Amino acid sequence: MGFQGYPKITLSYHGKTINHATEVLVEFVLEEGADVQTERFSSKIDARDDETIQSALVKMIERTDSKTVSQIEGVSVVA
């Protein structure tokens, strides 16, 4: 759907391999030109399957009334 306006949330998953996301990075921008606010969630299981993390993400999206929510495809490998 693309950009629908602000506030905007971007989700990206990170891990040691492309098959296991150990954390999710949430980037929040309130309005154009505003500083990016970040929050990280970590998990021992795959963060994409972690019900606690996924519930928190849904609540953040709802609470901030985000107009645009995007997710970076796949898992970024970090050393």
PDB file of N, CA and C in Angstrom:
ATOM      1  N   MET A   1       0.802  -1.189   0.000  1.00  0.00           N
ATOM      2  CA  MET A   1       0.000   0.000   0.000  1.00  0.00           C
ATOM      3  C   MET A   1       0.848   1.257   0.000  1.00  0.00           C
ATOM      4  N   GLY A   2       2.066   1.190   0.479  1.00  0.00           N
ATOM      5  CA  GLY A   2       2.928   2.353   0.460  1.00  0.00           C
ATOM      6  C   GLY A   2       2.646   3.337   1.578  1.00  0.00           C
ATOM      7  N   PHE A   3       3.233   4.506   1.442  1.00  0.00           N
ATOM      8  CA  PHE A   3       3.130   5.539   2.458  1.00  0.00           C
ATOM      9  C   PHE A   3       1.718   6.099   2.519  1.00  0.00           C
ATOM     10  N   GLN A   4       1.137   6.102   3.727  1.00  0.00           N
ATOM     11  CA  GLN A   4      -0.223   6.582   3.946  1.00  0.00           C
ATOM     12  C   GLN A   4      -0.265   7.801   4.859  1.00  0.00           C
ATOM     13  N   GLY A   5       0.897   8.299   5.260  1.00  0.00           N
ATOM     14  CA  GLY A   5       0.967   9.451   6.141  1.00  0.00           C
ATOM     15  C   GLY A   5       1.616   9.117   7.477  1.00  0.00           C
ATOM     16  N   TYR A   6       1.703  10.126   8.329  1.00  0.00           N
ATOM     17  CA  TYR A   6       2.293   9.996   9.656  1.00  0.00           C
ATOM     18  C   TYR A   6       1.183   9.915  10.691  1.00  0.00           C
ATOM     19  N   PRO A   7       1.501   9.334  11.828  1.00  0.00           N
ATOM     20  CA  PRO A   7       2.727   8.682  12.277  1.00  0.00           C
ATOM     21  C   PRO A   7       3.049   7.421  11.466  1.00  0.00           C
ATOM     22  N   LYS A   8       4.337   7.088  11.469  1.00  0.00           N
ATOM     23  CA  LYS A   8       4.842   5.965  10.664  1.00  0.00           C
ATOM     24  C   LYS A   8       5.672   5.034  11.548  1.00  0.00           C
ATOM     25  N   ILE A   9       5.452   3.734  11.382  1.00  0.00           N
ATOM     26  CA  ILE A   9       6.236   2.717  12.089  1.00  0.00           C
ATOM     27  C   ILE A   9       6.864   1.786  11.049  1.00  0.00           C
ATOM     28  N   THR A  10       8.150   1.500  11.251  1.00  0.00           N
ATOM     29  CA  THR A  10       8.854   0.534  10.408  1.00  0.00           C
ATOM     30  C   THR A  10       9.409  -0.564  11.304  1.00  0.00           C
ATOM     31  N   LEU A  11       9.160  -1.815  10.915  1.00  0.00           N
ATOM     32  CA  LEU A  11       9.640  -2.980  11.657  1.00  0.00           C
ATOM     33  C   LEU A  11      10.734  -3.667  10.855  1.00  0.00           C
ATOM     34  N   SER A  12      11.811  -4.041  11.534  1.00  0.00           N
ATOM     35  CA  SER A  12      12.846  -4.834  10.873  1.00  0.00           C
ATOM     36  C   SER A  12      13.326  -5.905  11.843  1.00  0.00           C
ATOM     37  N   TYR A  13      13.551  -7.087  11.299  1.00  0.00           N
ATOM     38  CA  TYR A  13      13.967  -8.236  12.105  1.00  0.00           C
ATOM     39  C   TYR A  13      15.442  -8.508  11.871  1.00  0.00           C
ATOM     40  N   HIS A  14      16.143  -8.903  12.956  1.00  0.00           N
ATOM     41  CA  HIS A  14      17.586  -9.121  12.908  1.00  0.00           C
ATOM     42  C   HIS A  14      17.938 -10.408  13.638  1.00  0.00           C
ATOM     43  N   GLY A  15      18.998 -11.070  13.191  1.00  0.00           N
ATOM     44  CA  GLY A  15      19.436 -12.300  13.839  1.00  0.00           C
ATOM     45  C   GLY A  15      20.787 -12.746  13.317  1.00  0.00           C
ATOM     46  N   LYS A  16      21.262 -13.851  13.829  1.00  0.00           N
ATOM     47  CA  LYS A  16      22.571 -14.388  13.420  1.00  0.00           C
ATOM     48  C   LYS A  16      22.487 -15.142  12.095  1.00  0.00           C
ATOM     49  N   THR A  17      21.280 -15.572  11.716  1.00  0.00           N
ATOM     50  CA  THR A  17      21.064 -16.223  10.422  1.00  0.00           C
ATOM     51  C   THR A  17      19.778 -15.656   9.809  1.00  0.00           C
ATOM     52  N   ILE A  18      19.585 -15.895   8.523  1.00  0.00           N
ATOM     53  CA  ILE A  18      18.379 -15.397   7.857  1.00  0.00           C
ATOM     54  C   ILE A  18      17.131 -16.186   8.247  1.00  0.00           C
ATOM     55  N   ASN A  19      17.326 -17.296   8.957  1.00  0.00           N
ATOM     56  CA  ASN A  19      16.202 -18.156   9.339  1.00  0.00           C
ATOM     57  C   ASN A  19      15.723 -17.975  10.769  1.00  0.00           C
ATOM     58  N   HIS A  20      16.419 -17.142  11.559  1.00  0.00           N
ATOM     59  CA  HIS A  20      16.060 -16.997  12.975  1.00  0.00           C
ATOM     60  C   HIS A  20      16.255 -15.550  13.421  1.00  0.00           C
ATOM     61  N   ALA A  21      15.154 -14.849  13.627  1.00  0.00           N
ATOM     62  CA  ALA A  21      15.190 -13.455  14.079  1.00  0.00           C
ATOM     63  C   ALA A  21      15.215 -13.422  15.606  1.00  0.00           C
ATOM     64  N   THR A  22      16.308 -12.934  16.167  1.00  0.00           N
ATOM     65  CA  THR A  22      16.418 -12.864  17.621  1.00  0.00           C
ATOM     66  C   THR A  22      15.950 -11.525  18.171  1.00  0.00           C
ATOM     67  N   GLU A  23      15.761 -10.537  17.288  1.00  0.00           N
ATOM     68  CA  GLU A  23      15.254  -9.250  17.748  1.00  0.00           C
ATOM     69  C   GLU A  23      14.484  -8.540  16.649  1.00  0.00           C
ATOM     70  N   VAL A  24      13.654  -7.607  17.094  1.00  0.00           N
ATOM     71  CA  VAL A  24      12.915  -6.766  16.161  1.00  0.00           C
ATOM     72  C   VAL A  24      13.207  -5.318  16.549  1.00  0.00           C
ATOM     73  N   LEU A  25      13.483  -4.496  15.551  1.00  0.00           N
ATOM     74  CA  LEU A  25      13.718  -3.076  15.742  1.00  0.00           C
ATOM     75  C   LEU A  25      12.477  -2.332  15.264  1.00  0.00           C
ATOM     76  N   VAL A  26      11.931  -1.479  16.123  1.00  0.00           N
ATOM     77  CA  VAL A  26      10.764  -0.671  15.792  1.00  0.00           C
ATOM     78  C   VAL A  26      11.235   0.770  15.670  1.00  0.00           C
ATOM     79  N   GLU A  27      10.982   1.374  14.506  1.00  0.00           N
ATOM     80  CA  GLU A  27      11.314   2.778  14.291  1.00  0.00           C
ATOM     81  C   GLU A  27      10.010   3.555  14.143  1.00  0.00           C
ATOM     82  N   PHE A  28       9.868   4.607  14.924  1.00  0.00           N
ATOM     83  CA  PHE A  28       8.645   5.401  14.952  1.00  0.00           C
ATOM     84  C   PHE A  28       8.973   6.844  14.584  1.00  0.00           C
ATOM     85  N   VAL A  29       8.215   7.400  13.631  1.00  0.00           N
ATOM     86  CA  VAL A  29       8.356   8.801  13.248  1.00  0.00           C
ATOM     87  C   VAL A  29       6.981   9.446  13.387  1.00  0.00           C
ATOM     88  N   LEU A  30       6.893  10.456  14.244  1.00  0.00           N
ATOM     89  CA  LEU A  30       5.625  11.106  14.532  1.00  0.00           C
ATOM     90  C   LEU A  30       5.136  11.967  13.368  1.00  0.00           C
ATOM     91  N   GLU A  31       6.058  12.721  12.762  1.00  0.00           N
ATOM     92  CA  GLU A  31       5.693  13.618  11.665  1.00  0.00           C
ATOM     93  C   GLU A  31       6.913  13.865  10.794  1.00  0.00           C
ATOM     94  N   GLU A  32       6.686  14.390   9.621  1.00  0.00           N
ATOM     95  CA  GLU A  32       7.778  14.657   8.694  1.00  0.00           C
ATOM     96  C   GLU A  32       8.820  15.553   9.355  1.00  0.00           C
ATOM     97  N   GLY A  33      10.087  15.149   9.256  1.00  0.00           N
ATOM     98  CA  GLY A  33      11.186  15.911   9.832  1.00  0.00           C
ATOM     99  C   GLY A  33      11.467  15.618  11.293  1.00  0.00           C
ATOM    100  N   ALA A  34      10.614  14.845  11.950  1.00  0.00           N
ATOM    101  CA  ALA A  34      10.817  14.520  13.367  1.00  0.00           C
ATOM    102  C   ALA A  34      11.909  13.476  13.521  1.00  0.00           C
ATOM    103  N   ASP A  35      12.546  13.461  14.678  1.00  0.00           N
ATOM    104  CA  ASP A  35      13.558  12.453  14.984  1.00  0.00           C
ATOM    105  C   ASP A  35      12.924  11.075  15.022  1.00  0.00           C
ATOM    106  N   VAL A  36      13.697  10.081  14.614  1.00  0.00           N
ATOM    107  CA  VAL A  36      13.241   8.693  14.664  1.00  0.00           C
ATOM    108  C   VAL A  36      13.424   8.181  16.087  1.00  0.00           C
ATOM    109  N   GLN A  37      12.363   7.632  16.646  1.00  0.00           N
ATOM    110  CA  GLN A  37      12.421   6.998  17.960  1.00  0.00           C
ATOM    111  C   GLN A  37      12.515   5.491  17.725  1.00  0.00           C
ATOM    112  N   THR A  38      13.395   4.822  18.470  1.00  0.00           N
ATOM    113  CA  THR A  38      13.575   3.389  18.255  1.00  0.00           C
ATOM    114  C   THR A  38      13.341   2.611  19.542  1.00  0.00           C
ATOM    115  N   GLU A  39      12.910   1.378  19.347  1.00  0.00           N
ATOM    116  CA  GLU A  39      12.763   0.438  20.447  1.00  0.00           C
ATOM    117  C   GLU A  39      13.106  -0.951  19.916  1.00  0.00           C
ATOM    118  N   ARG A  40      13.813  -1.727  20.722  1.00  0.00           N
ATOM    119  CA  ARG A  40      14.198  -3.088  20.344  1.00  0.00           C
ATOM    120  C   ARG A  40      13.566  -4.090  21.295  1.00  0.00           C
ATOM    121  N   PHE A  41      13.158  -5.205  20.704  1.00  0.00           N
ATOM    122  CA  PHE A  41      12.655  -6.331  21.483  1.00  0.00           C
ATOM    123  C   PHE A  41      13.525  -7.533  21.139  1.00  0.00           C
ATOM    124  N   SER A  42      13.940  -8.289  22.145  1.00  0.00           N
ATOM    125  CA  SER A  42      14.760  -9.484  21.932  1.00  0.00           C
ATOM    126  C   SER A  42      14.004 -10.722  22.374  1.00  0.00           C
ATOM    127  N   SER A  43      14.355 -11.853  21.749  1.00  0.00           N
ATOM    128  CA  SER A  43      13.692 -13.107  22.067  1.00  0.00           C
ATOM    129  C   SER A  43      14.648 -14.272  21.908  1.00  0.00           C
ATOM    130  N   LYS A  44      14.478 -15.291  22.742  1.00  0.00           N
ATOM    131  CA  LYS A  44      15.266 -16.507  22.590  1.00  0.00           C
ATOM    132  C   LYS A  44      14.710 -17.358  21.460  1.00  0.00           C
ATOM    133  N   ILE A  45      13.375 -17.298  21.272  1.00  0.00           N
ATOM    134  CA  ILE A  45      12.774 -17.977  20.128  1.00  0.00           C
ATOM    135  C   ILE A  45      12.736 -16.963  18.980  1.00  0.00           C
ATOM    136  N   ASP A  46      12.284 -17.372  17.837  1.00  0.00           N
ATOM    137  CA  ASP A  46      12.195 -16.453  16.713  1.00  0.00           C
ATOM    138  C   ASP A  46      11.220 -15.332  17.065  1.00  0.00           C
ATOM    139  N   ALA A  47      11.670 -14.093  16.996  1.00  0.00           N
ATOM    140  CA  ALA A  47      10.855 -12.938  17.382  1.00  0.00           C
ATOM    141  C   ALA A  47       9.574 -12.841  16.556  1.00  0.00           C
ATOM    142  N   ARG A  48       9.598 -13.377  15.344  1.00  0.00           N
ATOM    143  CA  ARG A  48       8.404 -13.351  14.497  1.00  0.00           C
ATOM    144  C   ARG A  48       7.318 -14.281  15.017  1.00  0.00           C
ATOM    145  N   ASP A  49       7.715 -15.251  15.841  1.00  0.00           N
ATOM    146  CA  ASP A  49       6.776 -16.217  16.418  1.00  0.00           C
ATOM    147  C   ASP A  49       6.519 -15.973  17.901  1.00  0.00           C
ATOM    148  N   ASP A  50       7.160 -14.975  18.478  1.00  0.00           N
ATOM    149  CA  ASP A  50       7.037 -14.682  19.894  1.00  0.00           C
ATOM    150  C   ASP A  50       5.736 -13.900  20.136  1.00  0.00           C
ATOM    151  N   GLU A  51       4.759 -14.556  20.753  1.00  0.00           N
ATOM    152  CA  GLU A  51       3.438 -13.948  20.953  1.00  0.00           C
ATOM    153  C   GLU A  51       3.495 -12.678  21.797  1.00  0.00           C
ATOM    154  N   THR A  52       4.381 -12.644  22.783  1.00  0.00           N
ATOM    155  CA  THR A  52       4.504 -11.465  23.631  1.00  0.00           C
ATOM    156  C   THR A  52       4.978 -10.263  22.815  1.00  0.00           C
ATOM    157  N   ILE A  53       6.003 -10.476  21.996  1.00  0.00           N
ATOM    158  CA  ILE A  53       6.518  -9.392  21.152  1.00  0.00           C
ATOM    159  C   ILE A  53       5.477  -8.969  20.129  1.00  0.00           C
ATOM    160  N   GLN A  54       4.852  -9.923  19.475  1.00  0.00           N
ATOM    161  CA  GLN A  54       3.871  -9.574  18.449  1.00  0.00           C
ATOM    162  C   GLN A  54       2.686  -8.816  19.042  1.00  0.00           C
ATOM    163  N   SER A  55       2.263  -9.189  20.241  1.00  0.00           N
ATOM    164  CA  SER A  55       1.179  -8.465  20.916  1.00  0.00           C
ATOM    165  C   SER A  55       1.602  -7.035  21.240  1.00  0.00           C
ATOM    166  N   ALA A  56       2.844  -6.875  21.693  1.00  0.00           N
ATOM    167  CA  ALA A  56       3.357  -5.537  22.000  1.00  0.00           C
ATOM    168  C   ALA A  56       3.413  -4.671  20.745  1.00  0.00           C
ATOM    169  N   LEU A  57       3.800  -5.267  19.617  1.00  0.00           N
ATOM    170  CA  LEU A  57       3.855  -4.513  18.357  1.00  0.00           C
ATOM    171  C   LEU A  57       2.470  -4.036  17.936  1.00  0.00           C
ATOM    172  N   VAL A  58       1.489  -4.912  18.043  1.00  0.00           N
ATOM    173  CA  VAL A  58       0.116  -4.538  17.685  1.00  0.00           C
ATOM    174  C   VAL A  58      -0.365  -3.396  18.582  1.00  0.00           C
ATOM    175  N   LYS A  59      -0.080  -3.490  19.877  1.00  0.00           N
ATOM    176  CA  LYS A  59      -0.497  -2.438  20.804  1.00  0.00           C
ATOM    177  C   LYS A  59       0.182  -1.117  20.482  1.00  0.00           C
ATOM    178  N   MET A  60       1.469  -1.157  20.122  1.00  0.00           N
ATOM    179  CA  MET A  60       2.185   0.073  19.758  1.00  0.00           C
ATOM    180  C   MET A  60       1.559   0.723  18.529  1.00  0.00           C
ATOM    181  N   ILE A  61       1.244  -0.089  17.543  1.00  0.00           N
ATOM    182  CA  ILE A  61       0.638   0.425  16.308  1.00  0.00           C
ATOM    183  C   ILE A  61      -0.712   1.067  16.614  1.00  0.00           C
ATOM    184  N   GLU A  62      -1.516   0.389  17.409  1.00  0.00           N
ATOM    185  CA  GLU A  62      -2.837   0.919  17.768  1.00  0.00           C
ATOM    186  C   GLU A  62      -2.724   2.177  18.619  1.00  0.00           C
ATOM    187  N   ARG A  63      -1.857   2.156  19.617  1.00  0.00           N
ATOM    188  CA  ARG A  63      -1.724   3.272  20.555  1.00  0.00           C
ATOM    189  C   ARG A  63      -1.218   4.541  19.877  1.00  0.00           C
ATOM    190  N   THR A  64      -0.325   4.389  18.886  1.00  0.00           N
ATOM    191  CA  THR A  64       0.244   5.555  18.208  1.00  0.00           C
ATOM    192  C   THR A  64      -0.622   6.016  17.047  1.00  0.00           C
ATOM    193  N   ASP A  65      -1.667   5.250  16.738  1.00  0.00           N
ATOM    194  CA  ASP A  65      -2.557   5.572  15.615  1.00  0.00           C
ATOM    195  C   ASP A  65      -1.762   5.761  14.322  1.00  0.00           C
ATOM    196  N   SER A  66      -0.792   4.861  14.106  1.00  0.00           N
ATOM    197  CA  SER A  66       0.081   4.953  12.932  1.00  0.00           C
ATOM    198  C   SER A  66      -0.706   4.805  11.641  1.00  0.00           C
ATOM    199  N   LYS A  67      -0.443   5.706  10.723  1.00  0.00           N
ATOM    200  CA  LYS A  67      -1.102   5.687   9.415  1.00  0.00           C
ATOM    201  C   LYS A  67      -0.341   4.796   8.434  1.00  0.00           C
ATOM    202  N   THR A  68       0.990   4.714   8.615  1.00  0.00           N
ATOM    203  CA  THR A  68       1.835   3.887   7.755  1.00  0.00           C
ATOM    204  C   THR A  68       2.594   2.891   8.618  1.00  0.00           C
ATOM    205  N   VAL A  69       2.461   1.610   8.303  1.00  0.00           N
ATOM    206  CA  VAL A  69       3.219   0.556   8.976  1.00  0.00           C
ATOM    207  C   VAL A  69       3.892  -0.259   7.881  1.00  0.00           C
ATOM    208  N   SER A  70       5.225  -0.346   7.954  1.00  0.00           N
ATOM    209  CA  SER A  70       5.943  -1.124   6.952  1.00  0.00           C
ATOM    210  C   SER A  70       6.885  -2.091   7.651  1.00  0.00           C
ATOM    211  N   GLN A  71       7.175  -3.168   6.951  1.00  0.00           N
ATOM    212  CA  GLN A  71       8.077  -4.187   7.482  1.00  0.00           C
ATOM    213  C   GLN A  71       9.137  -4.475   6.437  1.00  0.00           C
ATOM    214  N   ILE A  72      10.383  -4.437   6.865  1.00  0.00           N
ATOM    215  CA  ILE A  72      11.497  -4.786   5.988  1.00  0.00           C
ATOM    216  C   ILE A  72      11.466  -6.298   5.809  1.00  0.00           C
ATOM    217  N   GLU A  73      11.486  -6.744   4.557  1.00  0.00           N
ATOM    218  CA  GLU A  73      11.427  -8.176   4.256  1.00  0.00           C
ATOM    219  C   GLU A  73      12.629  -8.937   4.801  1.00  0.00           C
ATOM    220  N   GLY A  74      12.388 -10.150   5.273  1.00  0.00           N
ATOM    221  CA  GLY A  74      13.434 -11.059   5.686  1.00  0.00           C
ATOM    222  C   GLY A  74      14.056 -10.692   7.030  1.00  0.00           C
ATOM    223  N   VAL A  75      15.205 -11.325   7.290  1.00  0.00           N
ATOM    224  CA  VAL A  75      15.953 -11.107   8.528  1.00  0.00           C
ATOM    225  C   VAL A  75      17.337 -10.590   8.145  1.00  0.00           C
ATOM    226  N   SER A  76      17.713  -9.450   8.703  1.00  0.00           N
ATOM    227  CA  SER A  76      19.059  -8.903   8.478  1.00  0.00           C
ATOM    228  C   SER A  76      20.028  -9.630   9.380  1.00  0.00           C
ATOM    229  N   VAL A  77      21.110 -10.122   8.818  1.00  0.00           N
ATOM    230  CA  VAL A  77      22.099 -10.864   9.591  1.00  0.00           C
ATOM    231  C   VAL A  77      23.051  -9.895  10.274  1.00  0.00           C
ATOM    232  N   VAL A  78      23.198 -10.078  11.596  1.00  0.00           N
ATOM    233  CA  VAL A  78      24.121  -9.262  12.387  1.00  0.00           C
ATOM    234  C   VAL A  78      25.129 -10.184  13.040  1.00  0.00           C
ATOM    235  N   ALA A  79      26.322  -9.697  13.169  1.00  0.00           N
ATOM    236  CA  ALA A  79      27.401 -10.520  13.751  1.00  0.00           C
ATOM    237  C   ALA A  79      27.336 -10.550  15.249  1.00  0.00           C
TER     238      ALA A  79
END
